[in-house]
Amino acid sequence: MKTSFLFLLFLLSQACSSQNSIFELSPNQSMSITGKGPGQDAAFNPHSKTKSVGVIESLGPNEFTIRIQNNGEIIEQTQIYPDDVKEVILEIGNELYLDSKLKSKAKVTFKEYDNGVED
């Protein structure tokens, strides 16, 4: 019984820690996803203390824009179309935004940056 309870607790903790962030964007909406700080970010980037990768998947019927800023300066803007998946590199301190002119939906996840150097 104790083993079953511990296994169930483990499964629940894994489900919570690997949760994806899904956002519904209203027409003419700009949403700060990450980079503003604790309590202000819409999605938690567990790799924010180092260079990381944001993975943005379009789930809606319309295109939207991925915007990366640092200290108010736009670093990169990328259009994402329905059913696209884009990866963007996030340096420490970068802010990730999603901008939409039409109703859209996106899934955002983060992963460690792999610099391609083999051991």
PDB file of N, CA and C in Angstrom:
ATOM      1  N   MET A   1       0.829  -1.198   0.000  1.00  0.00           N
ATOM      2  CA  MET A   1       0.000   0.000   0.000  1.00  0.00           C
ATOM      3  C   MET A   1       0.869   1.256   0.000  1.00  0.00           C
ATOM      4  N   LYS A   2       1.896   1.250   0.851  1.00  0.00           N
ATOM      5  CA  LYS A   2       2.788   2.404   0.940  1.00  0.00           C
ATOM      6  C   LYS A   2       3.517   2.623  -0.397  1.00  0.00           C
ATOM      7  N   THR A   3       3.934   1.521  -1.042  1.00  0.00           N
ATOM      8  CA  THR A   3       4.625   1.620  -2.328  1.00  0.00           C
ATOM      9  C   THR A   3       3.699   2.193  -3.393  1.00  0.00           C
ATOM     10  N   SER A   4       2.457   1.783  -3.388  1.00  0.00           N
ATOM     11  CA  SER A   4       1.483   2.298  -4.353  1.00  0.00           C
ATOM     12  C   SER A   4       1.273   3.798  -4.170  1.00  0.00           C
ATOM     13  N   PHE A   5       1.186   4.226  -2.925  1.00  0.00           N
ATOM     14  CA  PHE A   5       0.995   5.643  -2.641  1.00  0.00           C
ATOM     15  C   PHE A   5       2.207   6.445  -3.114  1.00  0.00           C
ATOM     16  N   LEU A   6       3.408   5.966  -2.835  1.00  0.00           N
ATOM     17  CA  LEU A   6       4.622   6.672  -3.254  1.00  0.00           C
ATOM     18  C   LEU A   6       4.721   6.739  -4.781  1.00  0.00           C
ATOM     19  N   PHE A   7       4.344   5.645  -5.452  1.00  0.00           N
ATOM     20  CA  PHE A   7       4.370   5.636  -6.913  1.00  0.00           C
ATOM     21  C   PHE A   7       3.368   6.647  -7.478  1.00  0.00           C
ATOM     22  N   LEU A   8       2.175   6.707  -6.905  1.00  0.00           N
ATOM     23  CA  LEU A   8       1.158   7.662  -7.335  1.00  0.00           C
ATOM     24  C   LEU A   8       1.636   9.093  -7.099  1.00  0.00           C
ATOM     25  N   LEU A   9       2.263   9.338  -5.973  1.00  0.00           N
ATOM     26  CA  LEU A   9       2.807  10.665  -5.669  1.00  0.00           C
ATOM     27  C   LEU A   9       3.890  11.047  -6.673  1.00  0.00           C
ATOM     28  N   PHE A  10       4.727  10.089  -7.041  1.00  0.00           N
ATOM     29  CA  PHE A  10       5.772  10.323  -8.038  1.00  0.00           C
ATOM     30  C   PHE A  10       5.164  10.685  -9.393  1.00  0.00           C
ATOM     31  N   LEU A  11       4.152   9.941  -9.821  1.00  0.00           N
ATOM     32  CA  LEU A  11       3.496  10.228 -11.103  1.00  0.00           C
ATOM     33  C   LEU A  11       2.861  11.616 -11.121  1.00  0.00           C
ATOM     34  N   LEU A  12       2.214  11.990 -10.023  1.00  0.00           N
ATOM     35  CA  LEU A  12       1.607  13.314  -9.947  1.00  0.00           C
ATOM     36  C   LEU A  12       2.651  14.418  -9.999  1.00  0.00           C
ATOM     37  N   SER A  13       3.775  14.227  -9.326  1.00  0.00           N
ATOM     38  CA  SER A  13       4.822  15.253  -9.348  1.00  0.00           C
ATOM     39  C   SER A  13       5.422  15.385 -10.746  1.00  0.00           C
ATOM     40  N   GLN A  14       5.573  14.271 -11.465  1.00  0.00           N
ATOM     41  CA  GLN A  14       6.086  14.320 -12.825  1.00  0.00           C
ATOM     42  C   GLN A  14       5.111  15.030 -13.756  1.00  0.00           C
ATOM     43  N   ALA A  15       3.846  14.775 -13.587  1.00  0.00           N
ATOM     44  CA  ALA A  15       2.828  15.421 -14.429  1.00  0.00           C
ATOM     45  C   ALA A  15       2.820  16.928 -14.206  1.00  0.00           C
ATOM     46  N   CYS A  16       2.980  17.341 -12.968  1.00  0.00           N
ATOM     47  CA  CYS A  16       2.974  18.778 -12.675  1.00  0.00           C
ATOM     48  C   CYS A  16       4.246  19.451 -13.176  1.00  0.00           C
ATOM     49  N   SER A  17       5.382  18.789 -13.073  1.00  0.00           N
ATOM     50  CA  SER A  17       6.634  19.425 -13.468  1.00  0.00           C
ATOM     51  C   SER A  17       6.816  19.486 -14.971  1.00  0.00           C
ATOM     52  N   SER A  18       6.146  18.621 -15.724  1.00  0.00           N
ATOM     53  CA  SER A  18       6.306  18.623 -17.174  1.00  0.00           C
ATOM     54  C   SER A  18       5.126  19.288 -17.881  1.00  0.00           C
ATOM     55  N   GLN A  19       4.347  20.040 -17.137  1.00  0.00           N
ATOM     56  CA  GLN A  19       3.161  20.666 -17.701  1.00  0.00           C
ATOM     57  C   GLN A  19       3.542  21.699 -18.762  1.00  0.00           C
ATOM     58  N   ASN A  20       2.872  21.672 -19.877  1.00  0.00           N
ATOM     59  CA  ASN A  20       3.081  22.649 -20.936  1.00  0.00           C
ATOM     60  C   ASN A  20       2.221  23.872 -20.662  1.00  0.00           C
ATOM     61  N   SER A  21       2.645  25.004 -21.192  1.00  0.00           N
ATOM     62  CA  SER A  21       1.866  26.228 -21.069  1.00  0.00           C
ATOM     63  C   SER A  21       1.153  26.481 -22.389  1.00  0.00           C
ATOM     64  N   ILE A  22      -0.161  26.522 -22.351  1.00  0.00           N
ATOM     65  CA  ILE A  22      -0.959  26.778 -23.547  1.00  0.00           C
ATOM     66  C   ILE A  22      -1.649  28.123 -23.359  1.00  0.00           C
ATOM     67  N   PHE A  23      -1.527  28.979 -24.393  1.00  0.00           N
ATOM     68  CA  PHE A  23      -2.056  30.330 -24.328  1.00  0.00           C
ATOM     69  C   PHE A  23      -3.031  30.565 -25.469  1.00  0.00           C
ATOM     70  N   GLU A  24      -4.156  31.178 -25.135  1.00  0.00           N
ATOM     71  CA  GLU A  24      -5.117  31.607 -26.146  1.00  0.00           C
ATOM     72  C   GLU A  24      -4.933  33.099 -26.312  1.00  0.00           C
ATOM     73  N   LEU A  25      -4.632  33.512 -27.543  1.00  0.00           N
ATOM     74  CA  LEU A  25      -4.371  34.910 -27.838  1.00  0.00           C
ATOM     75  C   LEU A  25      -5.605  35.550 -28.471  1.00  0.00           C
ATOM     76  N   SER A  26      -6.037  36.643 -27.909  1.00  0.00           N
ATOM     77  CA  SER A  26      -7.157  37.397 -28.464  1.00  0.00           C
ATOM     78  C   SER A  26      -6.664  38.250 -29.627  1.00  0.00           C
ATOM     79  N   PRO A  27      -7.568  38.700 -30.487  1.00  0.00           N
ATOM     80  CA  PRO A  27      -7.151  39.599 -31.570  1.00  0.00           C
ATOM     81  C   PRO A  27      -6.448  40.842 -31.012  1.00  0.00           C
ATOM     82  N   ASN A  28      -5.373  41.256 -31.680  1.00  0.00           N
ATOM     83  CA  ASN A  28      -4.585  42.433 -31.304  1.00  0.00           C
ATOM     84  C   ASN A  28      -4.028  42.347 -29.886  1.00  0.00           C
ATOM     85  N   GLN A  29      -3.616  41.165 -29.480  1.00  0.00           N
ATOM     86  CA  GLN A  29      -3.064  40.974 -28.145  1.00  0.00           C
ATOM     87  C   GLN A  29      -1.556  40.775 -28.215  1.00  0.00           C
ATOM     88  N   SER A  30      -0.856  41.354 -27.255  1.00  0.00           N
ATOM     89  CA  SER A  30       0.566  41.138 -27.068  1.00  0.00           C
ATOM     90  C   SER A  30       0.740  40.576 -25.669  1.00  0.00           C
ATOM     91  N   MET A  31       1.346  39.392 -25.560  1.00  0.00           N
ATOM     92  CA  MET A  31       1.460  38.729 -24.270  1.00  0.00           C
ATOM     93  C   MET A  31       2.918  38.471 -23.924  1.00  0.00           C
ATOM     94  N   SER A  32       3.332  38.958 -22.758  1.00  0.00           N
ATOM     95  CA  SER A  32       4.664  38.654 -22.250  1.00  0.00           C
ATOM     96  C   SER A  32       4.645  37.232 -21.721  1.00  0.00           C
ATOM     97  N   ILE A  33       5.495  36.387 -22.267  1.00  0.00           N
ATOM     98  CA  ILE A  33       5.520  34.985 -21.872  1.00  0.00           C
ATOM     99  C   ILE A  33       6.558  34.746 -20.784  1.00  0.00           C
ATOM    100  N   THR A  34       7.760  35.277 -20.973  1.00  0.00           N
ATOM    101  CA  THR A  34       8.815  35.076 -19.992  1.00  0.00           C
ATOM    102  C   THR A  34       9.838  36.198 -20.076  1.00  0.00           C
ATOM    103  N   GLY A  35      10.540  36.421 -18.973  1.00  0.00           N
ATOM    104  CA  GLY A  35      11.593  37.420 -18.927  1.00  0.00           C
ATOM    105  C   GLY A  35      11.283  38.601 -18.036  1.00  0.00           C
ATOM    106  N   LYS A  36      10.062  38.683 -17.545  1.00  0.00           N
ATOM    107  CA  LYS A  36       9.686  39.795 -16.670  1.00  0.00           C
ATOM    108  C   LYS A  36      10.016  39.505 -15.211  1.00  0.00           C
ATOM    109  N   GLY A  37      10.043  38.226 -14.825  1.00  0.00           N
ATOM    110  CA  GLY A  37      10.409  37.880 -13.460  1.00  0.00           C
ATOM    111  C   GLY A  37       9.345  37.072 -12.750  1.00  0.00           C
ATOM    112  N   PRO A  38       9.694  36.557 -11.558  1.00  0.00           N
ATOM    113  CA  PRO A  38       8.767  35.730 -10.785  1.00  0.00           C
ATOM    114  C   PRO A  38       7.447  36.455 -10.521  1.00  0.00           C
ATOM    115  N   GLY A  39       6.368  35.753 -10.756  1.00  0.00           N
ATOM    116  CA  GLY A  39       5.050  36.316 -10.536  1.00  0.00           C
ATOM    117  C   GLY A  39       4.536  37.151 -11.691  1.00  0.00           C
ATOM    118  N   GLN A  40       5.397  37.463 -12.653  1.00  0.00           N
ATOM    119  CA  GLN A  40       4.986  38.276 -13.792  1.00  0.00           C
ATOM    120  C   GLN A  40       5.022  37.493 -15.099  1.00  0.00           C
ATOM    121  N   ASP A  41       5.783  36.409 -15.136  1.00  0.00           N
ATOM    122  CA  ASP A  41       5.884  35.607 -16.345  1.00  0.00           C
ATOM    123  C   ASP A  41       4.626  34.763 -16.524  1.00  0.00           C
ATOM    124  N   ALA A  42       4.196  34.633 -17.779  1.00  0.00           N
ATOM    125  CA  ALA A  42       3.037  33.803 -18.070  1.00  0.00           C
ATOM    126  C   ALA A  42       3.417  32.325 -18.094  1.00  0.00           C
ATOM    127  N   ALA A  43       4.691  32.029 -18.395  1.00  0.00           N
ATOM    128  CA  ALA A  43       5.180  30.648 -18.428  1.00  0.00           C
ATOM    129  C   ALA A  43       6.497  30.573 -17.674  1.00  0.00           C
ATOM    130  N   PHE A  44       6.717  29.488 -16.980  1.00  0.00           N
ATOM    131  CA  PHE A  44       7.942  29.307 -16.209  1.00  0.00           C
ATOM    132  C   PHE A  44       9.009  28.656 -17.089  1.00  0.00           C
ATOM    133  N   ASN A  45      10.147  29.334 -17.206  1.00  0.00           N
ATOM    134  CA  ASN A  45      11.290  28.785 -17.925  1.00  0.00           C
ATOM    135  C   ASN A  45      12.264  28.240 -16.892  1.00  0.00           C
ATOM    136  N   PRO A  46      12.349  26.922 -16.726  1.00  0.00           N
ATOM    137  CA  PRO A  46      13.239  26.355 -15.705  1.00  0.00           C
ATOM    138  C   PRO A  46      14.721  26.546 -16.035  1.00  0.00           C
ATOM    139  N   HIS A  47      15.023  27.038 -17.222  1.00  0.00           N
ATOM    140  CA  HIS A  47      16.410  27.226 -17.653  1.00  0.00           C
ATOM    141  C   HIS A  47      16.763  28.704 -17.792  1.00  0.00           C
ATOM    142  N   SER A  48      16.040  29.592 -17.140  1.00  0.00           N
ATOM    143  CA  SER A  48      16.209  31.032 -17.335  1.00  0.00           C
ATOM    144  C   SER A  48      17.533  31.578 -16.816  1.00  0.00           C
ATOM    145  N   LYS A  49      18.229  30.833 -15.980  1.00  0.00           N
ATOM    146  CA  LYS A  49      19.524  31.289 -15.434  1.00  0.00           C
ATOM    147  C   LYS A  49      20.666  31.042 -16.413  1.00  0.00           C
ATOM    148  N   THR A  50      20.366  30.350 -17.512  1.00  0.00           N
ATOM    149  CA  THR A  50      21.360  30.078 -18.549  1.00  0.00           C
ATOM    150  C   THR A  50      20.715  30.313 -19.915  1.00  0.00           C
ATOM    151  N   LYS A  51      21.521  30.243 -20.947  1.00  0.00           N
ATOM    152  CA  LYS A  51      20.988  30.304 -22.306  1.00  0.00           C
ATOM    153  C   LYS A  51      20.037  29.117 -22.477  1.00  0.00           C
ATOM    154  N   SER A  52      18.875  29.355 -23.079  1.00  0.00           N
ATOM    155  CA  SER A  52      17.888  28.283 -23.211  1.00  0.00           C
ATOM    156  C   SER A  52      17.200  28.387 -24.562  1.00  0.00           C
ATOM    157  N   VAL A  53      16.289  27.449 -24.797  1.00  0.00           N
ATOM    158  CA  VAL A  53      15.539  27.410 -26.048  1.00  0.00           C
ATOM    159  C   VAL A  53      14.048  27.427 -25.713  1.00  0.00           C
ATOM    160  N   GLY A  54      13.324  28.340 -26.346  1.00  0.00           N
ATOM    161  CA  GLY A  54      11.876  28.360 -26.248  1.00  0.00           C
ATOM    162  C   GLY A  54      11.301  27.645 -27.455  1.00  0.00           C
ATOM    163  N   VAL A  55      10.383  26.724 -27.199  1.00  0.00           N
ATOM    164  CA  VAL A  55       9.733  25.975 -28.278  1.00  0.00           C
ATOM    165  C   VAL A  55       8.280  26.438 -28.324  1.00  0.00           C
ATOM    166  N   ILE A  56       7.902  27.059 -29.443  1.00  0.00           N
ATOM    167  CA  ILE A  56       6.565  27.609 -29.595  1.00  0.00           C
ATOM    168  C   ILE A  56       5.851  26.854 -30.709  1.00  0.00           C
ATOM    169  N   GLU A  57       4.708  26.292 -30.369  1.00  0.00           N
ATOM    170  CA  GLU A  57       3.913  25.521 -31.331  1.00  0.00           C
ATOM    171  C   GLU A  57       2.580  26.220 -31.550  1.00  0.00           C
ATOM    172  N   SER A  58       2.254  26.479 -32.800  1.00  0.00           N
ATOM    173  CA  SER A  58       0.969  27.092 -33.137  1.00  0.00           C
ATOM    174  C   SER A  58      -0.124  26.031 -33.092  1.00  0.00           C
ATOM    175  N   LEU A  59      -1.152  26.296 -32.296  1.00  0.00           N
ATOM    176  CA  LEU A  59      -2.277  25.366 -32.174  1.00  0.00           C
ATOM    177  C   LEU A  59      -3.564  25.952 -32.750  1.00  0.00           C
ATOM    178  N   GLY A  60      -3.506  27.213 -33.139  1.00  0.00           N
ATOM    179  CA  GLY A  60      -4.705  27.894 -33.607  1.00  0.00           C
ATOM    180  C   GLY A  60      -4.763  28.024 -35.114  1.00  0.00           C
ATOM    181  N   PRO A  61      -5.844  28.636 -35.598  1.00  0.00           N
ATOM    182  CA  PRO A  61      -6.076  28.734 -37.038  1.00  0.00           C
ATOM    183  C   PRO A  61      -5.370  29.916 -37.710  1.00  0.00           C
ATOM    184  N   ASN A  62      -4.764  30.802 -36.914  1.00  0.00           N
ATOM    185  CA  ASN A  62      -4.180  32.019 -37.484  1.00  0.00           C
ATOM    186  C   ASN A  62      -2.708  32.175 -37.091  1.00  0.00           C
ATOM    187  N   GLU A  63      -2.004  32.962 -37.896  1.00  0.00           N
ATOM    188  CA  GLU A  63      -0.597  33.225 -37.624  1.00  0.00           C
ATOM    189  C   GLU A  63      -0.450  34.241 -36.486  1.00  0.00           C
ATOM    190  N   PHE A  64       0.739  34.250 -35.885  1.00  0.00           N
ATOM    191  CA  PHE A  64       1.093  35.235 -34.880  1.00  0.00           C
ATOM    192  C   PHE A  64       2.603  35.434 -34.925  1.00  0.00           C
ATOM    193  N   THR A  65       3.114  36.361 -34.137  1.00  0.00           N
ATOM    194  CA  THR A  65       4.526  36.696 -34.152  1.00  0.00           C
ATOM    195  C   THR A  65       5.165  36.362 -32.813  1.00  0.00           C
ATOM    196  N   ILE A  66       6.365  35.803 -32.878  1.00  0.00           N
ATOM    197  CA  ILE A  66       7.199  35.595 -31.700  1.00  0.00           C
ATOM    198  C   ILE A  66       8.167  36.778 -31.667  1.00  0.00           C
ATOM    199  N   ARG A  67       8.242  37.466 -30.524  1.00  0.00           N
ATOM    200  CA  ARG A  67       9.140  38.620 -30.391  1.00  0.00           C
ATOM    201  C   ARG A  67      10.065  38.400 -29.204  1.00  0.00           C
ATOM    202  N   ILE A  68      11.361  38.621 -29.420  1.00  0.00           N
ATOM    203  CA  ILE A  68      12.349  38.530 -28.347  1.00  0.00           C
ATOM    204  C   ILE A  68      12.927  39.923 -28.146  1.00  0.00           C
ATOM    205  N   GLN A  69      12.930  40.368 -26.893  1.00  0.00           N
ATOM    206  CA  GLN A  69      13.460  41.675 -26.539  1.00  0.00           C
ATOM    207  C   GLN A  69      14.463  41.533 -25.403  1.00  0.00           C
ATOM    208  N   ASN A  70      15.329  42.542 -25.295  1.00  0.00           N
ATOM    209  CA  ASN A  70      16.242  42.643 -24.164  1.00  0.00           C
ATOM    210  C   ASN A  70      16.381  44.117 -23.839  1.00  0.00           C
ATOM    211  N   ASN A  71      16.003  44.492 -22.616  1.00  0.00           N
ATOM    212  CA  ASN A  71      16.033  45.893 -22.174  1.00  0.00           C
ATOM    213  C   ASN A  71      15.280  46.819 -23.132  1.00  0.00           C
ATOM    214  N   GLY A  72      14.132  46.382 -23.624  1.00  0.00           N
ATOM    215  CA  GLY A  72      13.298  47.197 -24.495  1.00  0.00           C
ATOM    216  C   GLY A  72      13.700  47.189 -25.959  1.00  0.00           C
ATOM    217  N   GLU A  73      14.834  46.576 -26.282  1.00  0.00           N
ATOM    218  CA  GLU A  73      15.295  46.515 -27.671  1.00  0.00           C
ATOM    219  C   GLU A  73      14.851  45.199 -28.304  1.00  0.00           C
ATOM    220  N   ILE A  74      14.207  45.284 -29.466  1.00  0.00           N
ATOM    221  CA  ILE A  74      13.768  44.078 -30.166  1.00  0.00           C
ATOM    222  C   ILE A  74      14.985  43.392 -30.779  1.00  0.00           C
ATOM    223  N   ILE A  75      15.198  42.135 -30.399  1.00  0.00           N
ATOM    224  CA  ILE A  75      16.325  41.337 -30.881  1.00  0.00           C
ATOM    225  C   ILE A  75      15.925  40.558 -32.133  1.00  0.00           C
ATOM    226  N   GLU A  76      14.705  39.993 -32.095  1.00  0.00           N
ATOM    227  CA  GLU A  76      14.257  39.125 -33.189  1.00  0.00           C
ATOM    228  C   GLU A  76      12.737  39.098 -33.222  1.00  0.00           C
ATOM    229  N   GLN A  77      12.177  39.020 -34.422  1.00  0.00           N
ATOM    230  CA  GLN A  77      10.753  38.796 -34.617  1.00  0.00           C
ATOM    231  C   GLN A  77      10.603  37.698 -35.655  1.00  0.00           C
ATOM    232  N   THR A  78       9.757  36.722 -35.348  1.00  0.00           N
ATOM    233  CA  THR A  78       9.555  35.586 -36.243  1.00  0.00           C
ATOM    234  C   THR A  78       8.064  35.322 -36.379  1.00  0.00           C
ATOM    235  N   GLN A  79       7.617  35.193 -37.601  1.00  0.00           N
ATOM    236  CA  GLN A  79       6.219  34.858 -37.868  1.00  0.00           C
ATOM    237  C   GLN A  79       6.047  33.358 -37.696  1.00  0.00           C
ATOM    238  N   ILE A  80       4.941  32.956 -37.072  1.00  0.00           N
ATOM    239  CA  ILE A  80       4.633  31.532 -36.932  1.00  0.00           C
ATOM    240  C   ILE A  80       3.229  31.307 -37.494  1.00  0.00           C
ATOM    241  N   TYR A  81       3.131  30.324 -38.362  1.00  0.00           N
ATOM    242  CA  TYR A  81       1.889  30.032 -39.073  1.00  0.00           C
ATOM    243  C   TYR A  81       1.186  28.831 -38.442  1.00  0.00           C
ATOM    244  N   PRO A  82      -0.101  28.624 -38.764  1.00  0.00           N
ATOM    245  CA  PRO A  82      -0.816  27.472 -38.194  1.00  0.00           C
ATOM    246  C   PRO A  82      -0.043  26.172 -38.399  1.00  0.00           C
ATOM    247  N   ASP A  83       0.004  25.375 -37.361  1.00  0.00           N
ATOM    248  CA  ASP A  83       0.667  24.069 -37.322  1.00  0.00           C
ATOM    249  C   ASP A  83       2.199  24.136 -37.345  1.00  0.00           C
ATOM    250  N   ASP A  84       2.781  25.347 -37.282  1.00  0.00           N
ATOM    251  CA  ASP A  84       4.241  25.491 -37.215  1.00  0.00           C
ATOM    252  C   ASP A  84       4.745  25.236 -35.797  1.00  0.00           C
ATOM    253  N   VAL A  85       5.997  24.819 -35.715  1.00  0.00           N
ATOM    254  CA  VAL A  85       6.721  24.741 -34.458  1.00  0.00           C
ATOM    255  C   VAL A  85       8.041  25.462 -34.682  1.00  0.00           C
ATOM    256  N   LYS A  86       8.338  26.439 -33.834  1.00  0.00           N
ATOM    257  CA  LYS A  86       9.578  27.208 -33.955  1.00  0.00           C
ATOM    258  C   LYS A  86      10.347  27.121 -32.650  1.00  0.00           C
ATOM    259  N   GLU A  87      11.660  27.086 -32.783  1.00  0.00           N
ATOM    260  CA  GLU A  87      12.542  27.147 -31.626  1.00  0.00           C
ATOM    261  C   GLU A  87      13.299  28.459 -31.691  1.00  0.00           C
ATOM    262  N   VAL A  88      13.362  29.166 -30.558  1.00  0.00           N
ATOM    263  CA  VAL A  88      14.098  30.421 -30.479  1.00  0.00           C
ATOM    264  C   VAL A  88      15.088  30.337 -29.322  1.00  0.00           C
ATOM    265  N   ILE A  89      16.268  30.868 -29.551  1.00  0.00           N
ATOM    266  CA  ILE A  89      17.295  30.875 -28.510  1.00  0.00           C
ATOM    267  C   ILE A  89      17.062  32.081 -27.615  1.00  0.00           C
ATOM    268  N   LEU A  90      17.055  31.835 -26.323  1.00  0.00           N
ATOM    269  CA  LEU A  90      16.845  32.886 -25.335  1.00  0.00           C
ATOM    270  C   LEU A  90      18.113  33.065 -24.509  1.00  0.00           C
ATOM    271  N   GLU A  91      18.756  34.194 -24.675  1.00  0.00           N
ATOM    272  CA  GLU A  91      19.910  34.538 -23.850  1.00  0.00           C
ATOM    273  C   GLU A  91      19.402  34.936 -22.464  1.00  0.00           C
ATOM    274  N   ILE A  92      20.275  34.935 -21.476  1.00  0.00           N
ATOM    275  CA  ILE A  92      19.906  35.378 -20.134  1.00  0.00           C
ATOM    276  C   ILE A  92      19.403  36.817 -20.229  1.00  0.00           C
ATOM    277  N   GLY A  93      18.260  37.085 -19.645  1.00  0.00           N
ATOM    278  CA  GLY A  93      17.688  38.428 -19.641  1.00  0.00           C
ATOM    279  C   GLY A  93      16.761  38.729 -20.799  1.00  0.00           C
ATOM    280  N   ASN A  94      16.674  37.833 -21.775  1.00  0.00           N
ATOM    281  CA  ASN A  94      15.751  38.055 -22.892  1.00  0.00           C
ATOM    282  C   ASN A  94      14.307  37.912 -22.428  1.00  0.00           C
ATOM    283  N   GLU A  95      13.427  38.657 -23.082  1.00  0.00           N
ATOM    284  CA  GLU A  95      11.996  38.573 -22.835  1.00  0.00           C
ATOM    285  C   GLU A  95      11.337  37.989 -24.073  1.00  0.00           C
ATOM    286  N   LEU A  96      10.434  37.028 -23.876  1.00  0.00           N
ATOM    287  CA  LEU A  96       9.726  36.377 -24.973  1.00  0.00           C
ATOM    288  C   LEU A  96       8.283  36.854 -24.970  1.00  0.00           C
ATOM    289  N   TYR A  97       7.806  37.327 -26.133  1.00  0.00           N
ATOM    290  CA  TYR A  97       6.436  37.803 -26.300  1.00  0.00           C
ATOM    291  C   TYR A  97       5.775  37.058 -27.452  1.00  0.00           C
ATOM    292  N   LEU A  98       4.459  36.939 -27.364  1.00  0.00           N
ATOM    293  CA  LEU A  98       3.644  36.476 -28.474  1.00  0.00           C
ATOM    294  C   LEU A  98       2.707  37.614 -28.848  1.00  0.00           C
ATOM    295  N   ASP A  99       2.702  37.990 -30.121  1.00  0.00           N
ATOM    296  CA  ASP A  99       1.859  39.080 -30.618  1.00  0.00           C
ATOM    297  C   ASP A  99       0.915  38.525 -31.674  1.00  0.00           C
ATOM    298  N   SER A 100      -0.366  38.864 -31.561  1.00  0.00           N
ATOM    299  CA  SER A 100      -1.326  38.366 -32.547  1.00  0.00           C
ATOM    300  C   SER A 100      -2.242  39.481 -33.022  1.00  0.00           C
ATOM    301  N   LYS A 101      -2.574  39.432 -34.302  1.00  0.00           N
ATOM    302  CA  LYS A 101      -3.572  40.352 -34.863  1.00  0.00           C
ATOM    303  C   LYS A 101      -4.934  39.677 -34.899  1.00  0.00           C
ATOM    304  N   LEU A 102      -4.923  38.333 -34.988  1.00  0.00           N
ATOM    305  CA  LEU A 102      -6.149  37.541 -35.023  1.00  0.00           C
ATOM    306  C   LEU A 102      -6.126  36.538 -33.863  1.00  0.00           C
ATOM    307  N   LYS A 103      -7.249  35.949 -33.572  1.00  0.00           N
ATOM    308  CA  LYS A 103      -7.335  34.956 -32.502  1.00  0.00           C
ATOM    309  C   LYS A 103      -6.417  33.776 -32.819  1.00  0.00           C
ATOM    310  N   SER A 104      -5.577  33.396 -31.856  1.00  0.00           N
ATOM    311  CA  SER A 104      -4.629  32.298 -32.042  1.00  0.00           C
ATOM    312  C   SER A 104      -4.477  31.514 -30.746  1.00  0.00           C
ATOM    313  N   LYS A 105      -3.755  30.425 -30.855  1.00  0.00           N
ATOM    314  CA  LYS A 105      -3.494  29.579 -29.702  1.00  0.00           C
ATOM    315  C   LYS A 105      -2.088  29.024 -29.854  1.00  0.00           C
ATOM    316  N   ALA A 106      -1.321  28.980 -28.745  1.00  0.00           N
ATOM    317  CA  ALA A 106       0.060  28.523 -28.811  1.00  0.00           C
ATOM    318  C   ALA A 106       0.416  27.705 -27.578  1.00  0.00           C
ATOM    319  N   LYS A 107       1.313  26.757 -27.789  1.00  0.00           N
ATOM    320  CA  LYS A 107       1.890  25.982 -26.686  1.00  0.00           C
ATOM    321  C   LYS A 107       3.354  26.395 -26.580  1.00  0.00           C
ATOM    322  N   VAL A 108       3.792  26.708 -25.360  1.00  0.00           N
ATOM    323  CA  VAL A 108       5.166  27.148 -25.136  1.00  0.00           C
ATOM    324  C   VAL A 108       5.829  26.221 -24.124  1.00  0.00           C
ATOM    325  N   THR A 109       6.985  25.698 -24.508  1.00  0.00           N
ATOM    326  CA  THR A 109       7.804  24.895 -23.598  1.00  0.00           C
ATOM    327  C   THR A 109       9.244  25.400 -23.693  1.00  0.00           C
ATOM    328  N   PHE A 110      10.068  24.976 -22.768  1.00  0.00           N
ATOM    329  CA  PHE A 110      11.464  25.402 -22.734  1.00  0.00           C
ATOM    330  C   PHE A 110      12.359  24.188 -22.567  1.00  0.00           C
ATOM    331  N   LYS A 111      13.569  24.309 -23.113  1.00  0.00           N
ATOM    332  CA  LYS A 111      14.549  23.245 -22.932  1.00  0.00           C
ATOM    333  C   LYS A 111      15.934  23.860 -22.809  1.00  0.00           C
ATOM    334  N   GLU A 112      16.852  23.046 -22.339  1.00  0.00           N
ATOM    335  CA  GLU A 112      18.232  23.506 -22.213  1.00  0.00           C
ATOM    336  C   GLU A 112      18.821  23.802 -23.569  1.00  0.00           C
ATOM    337  N   TYR A 113      19.689  24.789 -23.621  1.00  0.00           N
ATOM    338  CA  TYR A 113      20.395  25.103 -24.846  1.00  0.00           C
ATOM    339  C   TYR A 113      21.532  24.103 -25.005  1.00  0.00           C
ATOM    340  N   ASP A 114      21.643  23.498 -26.168  1.00  0.00           N
ATOM    341  CA  ASP A 114      22.711  22.557 -26.473  1.00  0.00           C
ATOM    342  C   ASP A 114      23.622  23.234 -27.483  1.00  0.00           C
ATOM    343  N   ASN A 115      24.840  23.553 -27.058  1.00  0.00           N
ATOM    344  CA  ASN A 115      25.732  24.296 -27.946  1.00  0.00           C
ATOM    345  C   ASN A 115      26.370  23.442 -29.018  1.00  0.00           C
ATOM    346  N   GLY A 116      26.038  22.169 -29.083  1.00  0.00           N
ATOM    347  CA  GLY A 116      26.534  21.302 -30.142  1.00  0.00           C
ATOM    348  C   GLY A 116      27.939  20.771 -29.920  1.00  0.00           C
ATOM    349  N   VAL A 117      28.537  21.095 -28.783  1.00  0.00           N
ATOM    350  CA  VAL A 117      29.882  20.607 -28.488  1.00  0.00           C
ATOM    351  C   VAL A 117      29.776  19.207 -27.906  1.00  0.00           C
ATOM    352  N   GLU A 118      30.478  18.272 -28.508  1.00  0.00           N
ATOM    353  CA  GLU A 118      30.461  16.893 -28.006  1.00  0.00           C
ATOM    354  C   GLU A 118      31.555  16.701 -26.994  1.00  0.00           C
ATOM    355  N   ASP A 119      31.286  15.888 -25.982  1.00  0.00           N
ATOM    356  CA  ASP A 119      32.269  15.619 -24.916  1.00  0.00           C
ATOM    357  C   ASP A 119      33.386  14.738 -25.395  1.00  0.00           C
TER     358      ASP A 119
END
